[in-house]
Amino acid sequence: MNEIYIASCVVRIRPTHLVTVAAIIARLPGGEVIASHPEGRLVVVLEAAYAADITALIDAIRQLSGVLSVALAYQHTEKSEAMEECIA
């Protein structure tokens, strides 16, 4: 059974690094910046095929220059087939 792992995080960043960090996260496989605040906060959604990949993405974000913290806000696992269903 194939599953999709989805997580959302709040990333606190030095405001001077906000644009750069947001661009890097957006280029990560499965990374998407949903919202940002100029004081240095991002809301990020991560998707991956394995839970370990989510952990690796979070660790990679933590290592970026200017990142102060990464807080996991939500985690969900869904069957891959469910993600392809049409919702009417």
Protein backbone atom coordinates (compact mmCIF):
# COMPACT_ATOMS: atom_id res chain seq x y z
CA MET A 1 0.00 0.00 0.00
CA ASN A 2 1.43 3.37 -1.04
CA GLU A 3 0.98 6.29 1.30
CA ILE A 4 1.56 10.01 1.15
CA TYR A 5 2.96 11.74 4.23
CA ILE A 6 1.94 15.36 4.71
CA ALA A 7 3.27 17.72 7.36
CA SER A 8 2.98 21.41 8.07
CA CYS A 9 5.54 23.43 9.99
CA VAL A 10 6.06 26.93 11.26
CA VAL A 11 9.56 28.10 10.45
CA ARG A 12 11.04 31.04 12.36
CA ILE A 13 13.74 32.87 10.46
CA ARG A 14 15.86 35.96 10.85
CA PRO A 15 13.91 38.57 8.84
CA THR A 16 17.01 39.33 6.76
CA HIS A 17 17.00 35.71 5.51
CA LEU A 18 13.25 35.37 4.89
CA VAL A 19 13.24 35.66 1.08
CA THR A 20 16.26 33.40 0.61
CA VAL A 21 15.00 30.67 2.96
CA ALA A 22 11.51 30.77 1.42
CA ALA A 23 13.00 30.33 -2.06
CA ILE A 24 15.14 27.38 -0.95
CA ILE A 25 12.19 25.65 0.76
CA ALA A 26 10.04 26.14 -2.35
CA ARG A 27 12.71 24.32 -4.39
CA LEU A 28 12.89 21.32 -2.03
CA PRO A 29 11.14 18.22 -3.41
CA GLY A 30 7.74 18.22 -1.73
CA GLY A 31 8.24 21.63 -0.13
CA GLU A 32 5.76 24.47 -0.44
CA VAL A 33 5.60 27.83 1.33
CA ILE A 34 1.95 28.57 2.11
CA ALA A 35 2.31 31.87 3.98
CA SER A 36 4.99 34.26 5.17
CA HIS A 37 5.25 37.15 7.61
CA PRO A 38 7.88 39.88 7.22
CA GLU A 39 8.93 39.51 10.88
CA GLY A 40 10.42 36.13 9.96
CA ARG A 41 7.81 33.38 9.95
CA LEU A 42 6.83 30.90 7.26
CA VAL A 43 4.07 28.31 7.12
CA VAL A 44 5.39 25.36 5.14
CA VAL A 45 3.71 22.19 3.82
CA LEU A 46 5.83 19.13 3.11
CA GLU A 47 4.79 16.01 1.18
CA ALA A 48 6.78 12.80 0.81
CA ALA A 49 6.42 9.10 0.10
CA TYR A 50 8.01 8.07 3.42
CA ALA A 51 7.92 9.42 6.98
CA ALA A 52 11.72 9.43 7.02
CA ASP A 53 11.70 11.81 4.04
CA ILE A 54 9.55 14.28 6.01
CA THR A 55 12.05 14.09 8.86
CA ALA A 56 14.92 14.65 6.42
CA LEU A 57 13.18 17.70 4.93
CA ILE A 58 12.61 19.20 8.39
CA ASP A 59 16.26 18.56 9.28
CA ALA A 60 17.39 20.18 6.02
CA ILE A 61 15.27 23.27 6.74
CA ARG A 62 16.71 23.49 10.28
CA GLN A 63 20.22 23.59 8.80
CA LEU A 64 19.54 26.55 6.50
CA SER A 65 21.35 29.76 7.33
CA GLY A 66 19.08 32.18 9.19
CA VAL A 67 16.60 29.55 10.42
CA LEU A 68 15.96 29.88 14.15
CA SER A 69 13.46 27.03 14.64
CA VAL A 70 11.15 24.60 12.86
CA ALA A 71 8.00 23.55 14.71
CA LEU A 72 5.90 20.66 13.44
CA ALA A 73 2.29 21.85 13.50
CA TYR A 74 0.47 18.96 11.78
CA GLN A 75 1.18 15.53 10.34
CA HIS A 76 -1.11 13.28 8.32
CA THR A 77 -0.78 10.06 6.34
CA GLU A 78 -3.12 9.29 3.45
CA LYS A 79 -3.38 6.42 1.01
CA SER A 80 -2.02 7.46 -2.39
CA GLU A 81 -5.24 6.37 -4.09
CA ALA A 82 -7.28 8.74 -1.92
CA MET A 83 -5.19 11.67 -3.10
CA GLU A 84 -6.23 10.94 -6.69
CA GLU A 85 -9.98 10.73 -6.03
CA CYS A 86 -12.18 13.41 -7.50
CA ILE A 87 -14.02 15.41 -4.85
CA ALA A 88 -17.31 16.79 -6.07
